[in-house]
Amino acid sequence: MDYKRMTLLDLHKAITDKEVAPFDLVKYAIELAKQDKNNAFEYICEKEAFEKVKTLDENKKDNLLYGVPVVIKDNYSTKDIPTTASSKILEGYVPIFDAEVVSRLENEGAILIGKTTMDELAMGGSGTNGHLGAAYNPWDKSHKHMIGGSSSGSAAAVSAGIVPISIGSDTGDSVRKPASYAGLVGFKPTWGRISRYGLLPFACSLDHVAYFTRNVFDSAYLLNVLAGRDNKDMSSSFNKVEDYTSRLDDSLKGKRIAVIKEINASISDKVVLNAFNKTVEYLTSQGAIVDYVSIDSKILKSIYPTYIIISSAEATSNYANLDGVKFGNMIDGDSYADLVIKTRTEGISEYAKRRLVIGSFSLLKDNREELFVRAQKCRRVIVNSISKVLEQYDVIYNPASPSIAPFIKSTKNKIADEYLIADNYMAYANMGGFPSITFPIGFEKNMPFGANLSAKPFDEALLLNIANQIEKFTGLANIIAGDDDGI
């Protein structure tokens, strides 16, 4: 059985037809996790998974996730299972409760087999900043190309075929960018569509529960499971949960699609642009209306610095509790102040410290108006500009990244348009809480790259419909890196 390429529907059929038992699926997935060479795992839940699969409720057999192995980013609380957010300061922390998304997956019969590596405390976009070192892109066995972050391990686990779905979190593009680099579908629904209860907060106004799959249908089904009001999260929405799989095959005729010209103009890679243009031709051939629209490049260039200021400021506040006293890895000191200094000095990496320093500096009384308040005003201008486009169009469509996955040791010009715009524009969806999805559209040098769609809040069904139709055209569903070994 070619387990690695199986969709949720395939796995469900195999289980209900008794071609494979959930125990055997879980055992095989754990074996693959143990053989992982991409540094995807913080913790493999071998004992816990085998105990859970033995107690599966057969009344849940109709659920597509019944008996399916899954992994979760290590910044989600998991009861009696270590949760470190890939940081030394949280070594030894074992939560006493499950995050809401963990509970909902388990209620469907999914089996958690591991917690995945990430950029430390979700700060970073390279997948190289965790305390266990860099996570690698499974498409490159030489380990020279990054997978992207911060949800690096979750992306690597799905891309390598270890599990069919994984949970990440997306604060700027932390699921959607790795999805582009790894040939996956990366989906971030509307802010509040999925409960964030139990997700370690990085930047609360930007954080979204998000996830990886290998096809659009699985993304739609997973939203059916995870979406909905949770009284433990006051920011979760009361909006009705649709059947997000029901409109996947709707016609594209009359759909209005905007391509932001300045984003494409900042991309120099002709292979990426040509593949993107072919999908645009397909959309128009199916009756969609595709227009190239403009947004002031100054606004687009401001997305990344605005994101850095706001996310760092919120992180400074949220991570003030990481002092080693209440939980985590404490380094003793002569006083409370000395203890906190030593604990944070030893427990937090230089990269994360820089983010926290930026946040603290931005919130200082003398700087607040010029930095933090100004960034908030900038955020409003950015969101208004995107909302204005979405008043006229159903979705916004652009390449998800300006290239294939960069080399881990690459040196980018961080003031160039390609970096400031094409590499970082997707954070606008976090600033406005817009649903946003990335999916593969092509390959260059045997490495995948993707495109991105964003829509109005709570327009997930429409977004998934258009993504699904493009996926049919490209034929790039259910691709994995590596070999095709079966179970």
Protein backbone atom coordinates (compact mmCIF):
# COMPACT_ATOMS: atom_id res chain seq x y z
CA MET A 1 0.00 0.00 0.00
CA ASP A 2 1.42 3.39 -1.04
CA TYR A 3 0.64 4.99 2.35
CA LYS A 4 2.75 8.07 1.73
CA ARG A 5 0.62 9.34 -1.14
CA MET A 6 -2.78 8.45 0.29
CA THR A 7 -5.40 11.14 0.85
CA LEU A 8 -7.77 11.17 3.81
CA LEU A 9 -10.42 9.58 1.57
CA ASP A 10 -7.96 6.85 0.52
CA LEU A 11 -6.96 6.13 4.10
CA HIS A 12 -10.57 6.08 5.24
CA LYS A 13 -11.50 3.56 2.55
CA ALA A 14 -8.50 1.38 3.35
CA ILE A 15 -9.42 1.34 7.05
CA THR A 16 -13.16 0.72 6.57
CA ASP A 17 -12.44 -2.00 3.97
CA LYS A 18 -10.04 -3.54 6.51
CA GLU A 19 -7.14 -3.40 4.08
CA VAL A 20 -5.13 -1.85 6.89
CA ALA A 21 -5.67 -1.46 10.63
CA PRO A 22 -5.19 1.90 12.39
CA PHE A 23 -2.53 0.27 14.61
CA ASP A 24 -0.48 -0.67 11.55
CA LEU A 25 -0.82 2.84 10.08
CA VAL A 26 0.35 4.40 13.32
CA LYS A 27 3.20 1.91 13.69
CA TYR A 28 4.40 2.65 10.14
CA ALA A 29 4.17 6.41 10.62
CA ILE A 30 6.18 6.20 13.85
CA GLU A 31 8.82 4.11 12.08
CA LEU A 32 9.06 6.78 9.40
CA ALA A 33 9.30 9.49 12.06
CA LYS A 34 12.16 7.65 13.74
CA GLN A 35 13.97 7.43 10.39
CA ASP A 36 13.46 11.13 9.68
CA LYS A 37 16.63 12.88 8.53
CA ASN A 38 15.15 16.37 8.26
CA ASN A 39 15.10 17.25 11.97
CA ALA A 40 11.31 17.47 11.87
CA PHE A 41 10.59 16.18 15.38
CA GLU A 42 10.94 17.58 18.88
CA TYR A 43 9.23 14.56 20.40
CA ILE A 44 7.86 11.31 18.98
CA CYS A 45 4.75 10.17 20.87
CA GLU A 46 5.40 6.45 20.45
CA LYS A 47 4.05 5.19 23.77
CA GLU A 48 1.17 7.67 23.82
CA ALA A 49 0.14 6.89 20.22
CA PHE A 50 0.05 3.13 20.74
CA GLU A 51 -2.02 3.55 23.89
CA LYS A 52 -4.43 5.87 22.08
CA VAL A 53 -4.88 3.70 19.00
CA LYS A 54 -5.78 0.70 21.16
CA THR A 55 -8.67 2.63 22.69
CA LEU A 56 -10.15 4.04 19.47
CA ASP A 57 -13.94 4.31 19.58
CA GLU A 58 -15.34 2.27 16.69
CA ASN A 59 -18.43 4.49 16.71
CA LYS A 60 -16.20 7.15 15.13
CA LYS A 61 -15.26 4.96 12.17
CA ASP A 62 -17.19 7.19 9.76
CA ASN A 63 -14.84 10.10 10.44
CA LEU A 64 -12.16 10.51 7.76
CA LEU A 65 -9.57 11.13 10.48
CA TYR A 66 -10.33 7.88 12.32
CA GLY A 67 -7.03 6.07 12.87
CA VAL A 68 -5.03 8.64 10.87
CA PRO A 69 -1.56 9.61 12.19
CA VAL A 70 -1.03 13.37 12.62
CA VAL A 71 1.67 15.68 14.00
CA ILE A 72 1.39 19.05 15.71
CA LYS A 73 3.76 22.00 15.99
CA ASP A 74 5.47 22.15 19.35
CA ASN A 75 3.82 25.42 20.38
CA TYR A 76 0.46 23.71 21.03
CA SER A 77 -0.29 22.50 24.52
CA THR A 78 -0.50 18.70 24.73
CA LYS A 79 -1.52 17.08 28.01
CA ASP A 80 1.23 14.93 29.55
CA ILE A 81 3.41 15.44 26.44
CA PRO A 82 6.40 17.85 26.44
CA THR A 83 5.82 21.25 24.80
CA THR A 84 8.93 23.37 24.29
CA ALA A 85 8.21 25.66 21.31
CA SER A 86 11.74 24.62 20.27
CA SER A 87 13.24 26.74 23.06
CA LYS A 88 15.65 25.78 25.84
CA ILE A 89 13.69 27.96 28.24
CA LEU A 90 10.72 25.54 28.02
CA GLU A 91 12.70 22.31 28.32
CA GLY A 92 10.91 20.06 30.78
CA TYR A 93 7.55 21.79 30.45
CA VAL A 94 4.72 19.24 30.31
CA PRO A 95 1.24 20.84 30.04
CA ILE A 96 -1.74 19.64 32.06
CA PHE A 97 -4.27 20.32 29.28
CA ASP A 98 -4.74 19.92 25.53
CA ALA A 99 -5.12 22.76 23.06
CA GLU A 100 -8.59 22.88 21.51
CA VAL A 101 -7.34 21.76 18.09
CA VAL A 102 -5.67 18.75 19.73
CA SER A 103 -8.94 17.82 21.42
CA ARG A 104 -10.93 18.19 18.21
CA LEU A 105 -8.51 15.99 16.27
CA GLU A 106 -8.59 13.32 18.96
CA ASN A 107 -12.38 13.46 19.11
CA GLU A 108 -12.38 12.55 15.41
CA GLY A 109 -10.12 9.57 16.06
CA ALA A 110 -6.85 11.08 14.78
CA ILE A 111 -3.71 9.76 16.46
CA LEU A 112 -0.97 12.20 17.50
CA ILE A 113 2.42 10.64 16.74
CA GLY A 114 4.71 13.60 17.31
CA LYS A 115 5.45 17.22 18.15
CA THR A 116 7.38 19.04 15.44
CA THR A 117 10.34 21.41 15.41
CA MET A 118 9.91 25.09 14.71
CA ASP A 119 11.69 28.42 14.84
CA GLU A 120 12.13 29.16 18.53
CA LEU A 121 8.95 30.56 20.10
CA ALA A 122 7.61 30.86 16.50
CA MET A 123 9.98 33.76 15.81
CA GLY A 124 11.55 33.46 12.38
CA GLY A 125 10.84 32.42 8.84
CA SER A 126 13.70 30.07 8.01
CA GLY A 127 13.14 26.98 10.13
CA THR A 128 16.73 27.26 11.36
CA ASN A 129 16.29 28.93 14.76
CA GLY A 130 15.03 26.10 16.98
CA HIS A 131 17.09 24.75 19.88
CA LEU A 132 17.60 21.46 18.00
CA GLY A 133 19.02 23.26 14.97
CA ALA A 134 17.74 23.66 11.43
CA ALA A 135 14.89 21.66 9.94
CA TYR A 136 15.62 20.61 6.36
CA ASN A 137 13.62 20.55 3.17
CA PRO A 138 12.86 16.91 2.23
CA TRP A 139 13.09 17.81 -1.48
CA ASP A 140 16.83 18.39 -1.03
CA LYS A 141 18.68 15.38 0.36
CA SER A 142 21.87 17.46 0.58
CA HIS A 143 20.20 19.61 3.25
CA LYS A 144 21.26 22.87 1.62
CA HIS A 145 17.78 24.32 1.06
CA MET A 146 15.62 25.64 3.87
CA ILE A 147 12.06 24.44 4.44
CA GLY A 148 10.97 27.81 5.78
CA GLY A 149 9.40 28.64 9.10
CA SER A 150 8.31 28.96 11.67
CA SER A 151 6.23 25.78 11.11
CA SER A 152 9.22 23.99 9.63
CA GLY A 153 8.93 20.52 11.17
CA SER A 154 5.20 20.28 10.45
CA ALA A 155 5.89 21.05 6.78
CA ALA A 156 8.77 18.57 6.58
CA ALA A 157 6.72 15.75 8.12
CA VAL A 158 3.95 16.05 5.52
CA SER A 159 6.28 16.71 2.61
CA ALA A 160 8.31 13.60 3.44
CA GLY A 161 5.16 11.45 3.56
CA ILE A 162 5.33 10.66 7.28
CA VAL A 163 1.79 11.93 7.90
CA PRO A 164 -0.95 13.20 5.56
CA ILE A 165 -1.75 16.33 7.60
CA SER A 166 -0.05 18.46 10.23
CA ILE A 167 -0.93 21.45 12.37
CA GLY A 168 1.17 24.61 12.37
CA SER A 169 0.62 28.23 13.29
CA ASP A 170 0.80 31.26 11.00
CA THR A 171 1.65 34.73 12.33
CA GLY A 172 3.14 36.28 9.18
CA ASP A 173 3.29 33.46 6.62
CA SER A 174 4.62 30.68 8.87
CA VAL A 175 2.56 27.94 7.22
CA ARG A 176 1.97 29.37 3.76
CA LYS A 177 5.64 30.09 2.93
CA PRO A 178 6.90 26.60 3.98
CA ALA A 179 4.01 25.15 1.95
CA SER A 180 5.37 26.90 -1.15
CA TYR A 181 8.89 25.63 -0.48
CA ALA A 182 7.73 22.07 0.27
CA GLY A 183 5.09 21.45 -2.43
CA LEU A 184 2.18 21.45 0.03
CA VAL A 185 -1.18 23.06 0.58
CA GLY A 186 -0.82 25.52 3.46
CA PHE A 187 -4.08 27.00 4.73
CA LYS A 188 -4.68 29.82 7.21
CA PRO A 189 -8.41 30.39 7.76
CA THR A 190 -9.94 33.66 8.99
CA TRP A 191 -8.72 34.92 12.38
CA GLY A 192 -11.15 33.48 14.93
CA ARG A 193 -12.45 30.73 12.63
CA ILE A 194 -10.44 28.15 14.63
CA SER A 195 -9.90 28.39 18.39
CA ARG A 196 -6.41 29.40 19.52
CA TYR A 197 -6.94 28.01 23.02
CA GLY A 198 -3.74 26.19 23.99
CA LEU A 199 -1.60 27.80 21.29
CA LEU A 200 1.37 29.49 22.96
CA PRO A 201 0.80 33.15 22.08
CA PHE A 202 3.47 34.88 20.00
CA ALA A 203 1.52 37.88 18.65
CA CYS A 204 -2.15 37.43 19.53
CA SER A 205 -3.58 39.87 16.98
CA LEU A 206 -1.67 38.11 14.18
CA ASP A 207 -1.56 34.45 15.31
CA HIS A 208 -3.72 31.99 13.36
CA VAL A 209 -4.16 28.24 13.68
CA ALA A 210 -3.10 26.89 10.29
CA TYR A 211 -2.17 23.56 8.77
CA PHE A 212 -0.54 21.56 5.98
CA THR A 213 -2.11 18.96 3.70
CA ARG A 214 -1.15 17.50 0.33
CA ASN A 215 -4.40 18.42 -1.44
CA VAL A 216 -7.18 20.98 -1.19
CA PHE A 217 -9.95 18.51 -0.32
CA ASP A 218 -8.10 17.43 2.82
CA SER A 219 -7.69 21.11 3.77
CA ALA A 220 -11.42 21.69 3.35
CA TYR A 221 -12.31 18.61 5.40
CA LEU A 222 -9.90 19.56 8.15
CA LEU A 223 -11.59 22.95 8.41
CA ASN A 224 -14.92 21.18 8.93
CA VAL A 225 -13.36 19.48 11.93
CA LEU A 226 -11.44 22.38 13.47
CA ALA A 227 -13.67 25.40 12.82
CA GLY A 228 -16.29 26.67 15.22
CA ARG A 229 -16.93 28.54 18.43
CA ASP A 230 -14.93 27.62 21.52
CA ASN A 231 -15.99 29.28 24.77
CA LYS A 232 -12.45 28.90 26.08
CA ASP A 233 -11.28 31.36 23.40
CA MET A 234 -13.24 34.60 23.53
CA SER A 235 -11.83 35.62 20.13
CA SER A 236 -13.25 32.55 18.38
CA SER A 237 -16.12 33.26 16.03
CA PHE A 238 -19.81 32.43 16.41
CA ASN A 239 -20.16 32.29 12.59
CA LYS A 240 -21.80 29.14 11.28
CA VAL A 241 -19.45 26.35 10.19
CA GLU A 242 -20.15 25.32 6.59
CA ASP A 243 -19.39 22.04 4.89
CA TYR A 244 -16.27 23.38 3.25
CA THR A 245 -15.98 20.37 0.94
CA SER A 246 -19.38 20.97 -0.68
CA ARG A 247 -18.39 23.77 -3.07
CA LEU A 248 -14.95 22.59 -4.16
CA ASP A 249 -16.10 21.77 -7.69
CA ASP A 250 -18.15 24.93 -8.31
CA SER A 251 -17.62 26.64 -11.66
CA LEU A 252 -15.03 29.38 -11.97
CA LYS A 253 -17.26 31.31 -14.35
CA GLY A 254 -17.74 34.88 -13.22
CA LYS A 255 -15.28 34.63 -10.31
CA ARG A 256 -13.38 37.91 -10.01
CA ILE A 257 -9.65 37.51 -9.34
CA ALA A 258 -7.18 40.33 -8.69
CA VAL A 259 -3.45 40.00 -9.28
CA ILE A 260 -1.41 42.71 -7.55
CA LYS A 261 0.96 43.97 -10.23
CA GLU A 262 3.64 45.29 -7.92
CA ILE A 263 4.11 41.89 -6.25
CA ASN A 264 4.69 40.12 -9.56
CA ALA A 265 6.90 42.98 -10.78
CA SER A 266 9.22 42.45 -7.82
CA ILE A 267 9.86 38.81 -8.83
CA SER A 268 12.85 38.15 -11.09
CA ASP A 269 12.51 34.35 -11.48
CA LYS A 270 10.98 33.78 -14.92
CA VAL A 271 10.17 30.11 -14.18
CA VAL A 272 7.95 31.14 -11.27
CA LEU A 273 6.27 33.88 -13.28
CA ASN A 274 5.70 31.64 -16.32
CA ALA A 275 4.09 28.91 -14.20
CA PHE A 276 1.91 31.51 -12.51
CA ASN A 277 0.89 33.01 -15.86
CA LYS A 278 -0.19 29.58 -17.10
CA THR A 279 -2.57 29.27 -14.15
CA VAL A 280 -3.96 32.73 -14.95
CA GLU A 281 -4.58 31.61 -18.55
CA TYR A 282 -6.41 28.57 -17.22
CA LEU A 283 -8.57 30.67 -14.92
CA THR A 284 -9.61 32.96 -17.77
CA SER A 285 -10.30 29.96 -20.02
CA GLN A 286 -12.75 28.73 -17.39
CA GLY A 287 -14.67 32.00 -17.36
CA ALA A 288 -12.99 33.71 -14.41
CA ILE A 289 -12.29 37.43 -14.70
CA VAL A 290 -8.64 38.15 -13.91
CA ASP A 291 -7.49 41.76 -13.61
CA TYR A 292 -4.08 43.17 -12.73
CA VAL A 293 -4.52 45.85 -10.08
CA SER A 294 -2.15 48.27 -8.36
CA ILE A 295 -1.34 48.93 -4.73
CA ASP A 296 1.20 51.64 -3.92
CA SER A 297 4.57 49.90 -3.62
CA LYS A 298 5.32 52.04 -0.53
CA ILE A 299 2.41 50.34 1.21
CA LEU A 300 3.60 46.88 0.13
CA LYS A 301 7.15 47.63 1.27
CA SER A 302 5.81 48.65 4.67
CA ILE A 303 4.21 45.24 5.36
CA TYR A 304 7.38 43.58 6.64
CA PRO A 305 8.65 46.34 8.96
CA THR A 306 5.11 46.86 10.27
CA TYR A 307 4.84 43.14 10.99
CA ILE A 308 8.21 43.09 12.77
CA ILE A 309 7.33 45.98 15.08
CA ILE A 310 3.84 44.76 15.99
CA SER A 311 4.73 41.07 16.37
CA SER A 312 7.86 41.84 18.42
CA ALA A 313 5.95 44.21 20.69
CA GLU A 314 3.19 41.66 21.30
CA ALA A 315 5.79 38.92 21.84
CA THR A 316 7.57 41.03 24.46
CA SER A 317 4.32 41.18 26.42
CA ASN A 318 3.26 37.56 25.84
CA TYR A 319 6.63 36.02 26.67
CA ALA A 320 7.17 38.05 29.84
CA ASN A 321 5.94 34.94 31.70
CA LEU A 322 8.99 32.95 30.57
CA ASP A 323 10.97 33.53 33.76
CA GLY A 324 11.57 29.89 34.74
CA VAL A 325 9.58 30.24 37.96
CA LYS A 326 6.09 29.16 36.91
CA PHE A 327 7.18 26.56 34.36
CA GLY A 328 10.08 25.63 32.13
CA ASN A 329 13.82 25.52 32.65
CA MET A 330 14.95 27.63 35.62
CA ILE A 331 18.56 28.74 36.19
CA ASP A 332 19.09 29.56 39.87
CA GLY A 333 20.12 33.05 40.95
CA ASP A 334 20.84 35.11 44.07
CA SER A 335 17.57 37.01 43.73
CA TYR A 336 14.43 36.90 41.61
CA ALA A 337 15.89 39.49 39.22
CA ASP A 338 19.16 37.54 38.97
CA LEU A 339 17.23 34.29 38.41
CA VAL A 340 15.18 35.80 35.57
CA ILE A 341 18.24 37.32 33.90
CA LYS A 342 20.16 34.05 34.02
CA THR A 343 17.16 31.96 32.94
CA ARG A 344 16.36 34.15 29.94
CA THR A 345 20.03 34.62 29.02
CA GLU A 346 20.64 30.87 28.98
CA GLY A 347 17.22 29.82 27.70
CA ILE A 348 16.51 32.17 24.80
CA SER A 349 18.59 32.29 21.62
CA GLU A 350 20.23 35.42 20.24
CA TYR A 351 17.74 35.62 17.37
CA ALA A 352 14.71 35.51 19.67
CA LYS A 353 16.37 37.98 22.03
CA ARG A 354 16.75 40.44 19.16
CA ARG A 355 13.01 40.23 18.46
CA LEU A 356 12.22 40.79 22.14
CA VAL A 357 14.62 43.74 22.30
CA ILE A 358 12.91 45.29 19.25
CA GLY A 359 9.56 44.79 20.97
CA SER A 360 10.72 46.31 24.26
CA PHE A 361 12.34 49.25 22.48
CA SER A 362 9.14 49.87 20.49
CA LEU A 363 7.05 49.95 23.66
CA LEU A 364 9.27 52.31 25.65
CA LYS A 365 7.42 55.47 26.58
CA ASP A 366 9.80 57.66 24.55
CA ASN A 367 9.48 55.42 21.44
CA ARG A 368 5.91 54.16 21.58
CA GLU A 369 4.31 56.89 19.49
CA GLU A 370 7.00 56.83 16.82
CA LEU A 371 7.31 53.05 16.54
CA PHE A 372 4.43 50.98 17.95
CA VAL A 373 1.57 53.42 17.41
CA ARG A 374 2.92 54.34 13.98
CA ALA A 375 3.10 50.64 13.08
CA GLN A 376 -0.54 50.22 14.14
CA LYS A 377 -1.53 53.12 11.89
CA CYS A 378 0.49 51.56 9.07
CA ARG A 379 -1.32 48.27 9.64
CA ARG A 380 -4.65 50.03 9.17
CA VAL A 381 -3.47 51.56 5.87
CA ILE A 382 -2.30 48.13 4.66
CA VAL A 383 -5.55 46.39 5.63
CA ASN A 384 -7.65 49.16 4.10
CA SER A 385 -5.72 48.85 0.82
CA ILE A 386 -6.31 45.09 0.66
CA SER A 387 -9.96 45.43 1.72
CA LYS A 388 -10.51 47.97 -1.04
CA VAL A 389 -9.31 45.42 -3.62
CA LEU A 390 -11.52 42.74 -2.08
CA GLU A 391 -14.55 45.00 -2.37
CA GLN A 392 -14.26 44.60 -6.15
CA TYR A 393 -12.83 41.07 -6.37
CA ASP A 394 -13.48 37.65 -4.82
CA VAL A 395 -9.83 36.82 -4.23
CA ILE A 396 -6.30 38.18 -4.57
CA TYR A 397 -3.86 35.88 -6.38
CA ASN A 398 -0.05 36.05 -6.60
CA PRO A 399 3.00 33.77 -6.44
CA ALA A 400 3.52 32.73 -2.81
CA SER A 401 7.28 33.26 -2.97
CA PRO A 402 9.68 34.82 -5.47
CA SER A 403 11.66 31.59 -5.92
CA ILE A 404 12.12 28.02 -4.82
CA ALA A 405 13.36 27.48 -1.25
CA PRO A 406 16.54 29.52 -0.72
CA PHE A 407 19.76 28.00 0.54
CA ILE A 408 20.00 27.92 4.33
CA LYS A 409 23.16 30.02 4.15
CA SER A 410 21.78 32.42 1.54
CA THR A 411 22.36 36.14 1.97
CA LYS A 412 19.42 38.17 0.73
CA ASN A 413 19.36 41.90 0.10
CA LYS A 414 16.79 42.78 2.75
CA ILE A 415 16.08 46.22 1.36
CA ALA A 416 15.42 44.99 -2.19
CA ASP A 417 11.86 45.00 -3.54
CA GLU A 418 11.96 41.22 -4.02
CA TYR A 419 12.55 40.71 -0.30
CA LEU A 420 10.37 43.51 1.08
CA ILE A 421 7.45 42.80 -1.27
CA ALA A 422 7.41 39.35 -2.91
CA ASP A 423 9.07 37.55 0.02
CA ASN A 424 6.95 39.05 2.78
CA TYR A 425 3.68 40.37 1.38
CA MET A 426 1.54 37.46 2.68
CA ALA A 427 1.61 38.97 6.18
CA TYR A 428 -1.17 41.30 5.01
CA ALA A 429 -3.55 38.37 5.51
CA ASN A 430 -2.55 38.14 9.17
CA MET A 431 -2.91 41.88 9.68
CA GLY A 432 -6.48 41.80 8.36
CA GLY A 433 -7.40 38.30 9.50
CA PHE A 434 -8.11 37.29 5.89
CA PRO A 435 -8.27 33.57 4.98
CA SER A 436 -5.32 32.62 2.80
CA ILE A 437 -4.10 29.45 1.08
CA THR A 438 -0.89 28.42 -0.69
CA PHE A 439 -0.61 25.46 -3.09
CA PRO A 440 2.04 24.15 -5.53
CA ILE A 441 2.06 25.36 -9.13
CA GLY A 442 5.45 24.25 -10.46
CA PHE A 443 9.03 23.06 -10.09
CA GLU A 444 12.45 24.50 -10.76
CA LYS A 445 15.65 22.49 -10.31
CA ASN A 446 13.52 19.69 -8.83
CA MET A 447 12.28 22.01 -6.08
CA PRO A 448 8.60 23.06 -5.79
CA PHE A 449 7.12 26.54 -5.58
CA GLY A 450 3.58 27.75 -5.04
CA ALA A 451 0.95 30.43 -5.46
CA ASN A 452 -1.28 32.13 -2.92
CA LEU A 453 -4.95 33.10 -2.77
CA SER A 454 -6.52 35.36 -0.14
CA ALA A 455 -10.18 36.31 0.32
CA LYS A 456 -12.56 38.29 2.49
CA PRO A 457 -13.02 37.11 6.10
CA PHE A 458 -15.08 33.91 6.32
CA ASP A 459 -14.99 33.35 2.55
CA GLU A 460 -13.11 30.07 3.03
CA ALA A 461 -15.49 28.02 0.85
CA LEU A 462 -14.90 30.30 -2.15
CA LEU A 463 -11.15 30.33 -1.53
CA LEU A 464 -10.99 26.54 -1.39
CA ASN A 465 -13.12 26.25 -4.53
CA ILE A 466 -10.71 28.36 -6.61
CA ALA A 467 -7.64 26.64 -5.12
CA ASN A 468 -9.15 23.23 -5.88
CA GLN A 469 -9.78 24.13 -9.53
CA ILE A 470 -6.21 25.38 -9.97
CA GLU A 471 -4.95 22.18 -8.34
CA LYS A 472 -6.88 20.14 -10.93
CA PHE A 473 -5.19 22.11 -13.69
CA THR A 474 -1.65 21.77 -12.34
CA GLY A 475 -2.08 18.13 -11.31
CA LEU A 476 0.16 18.81 -8.31
CA ALA A 477 -1.95 17.22 -5.59
CA ASN A 478 -0.50 14.59 -3.25
CA ILE A 479 3.13 15.10 -4.21
CA ILE A 480 5.81 14.02 -1.75
CA ALA A 481 9.57 14.25 -1.58
CA GLY A 482 11.67 11.11 -1.47
CA ASP A 483 10.87 7.52 -2.24
CA ASP A 484 7.57 5.67 -2.71
CA ASP A 485 7.94 2.92 -0.15
CA GLY A 486 4.64 1.26 0.74
CA ILE A 487 3.26 -0.13 3.95
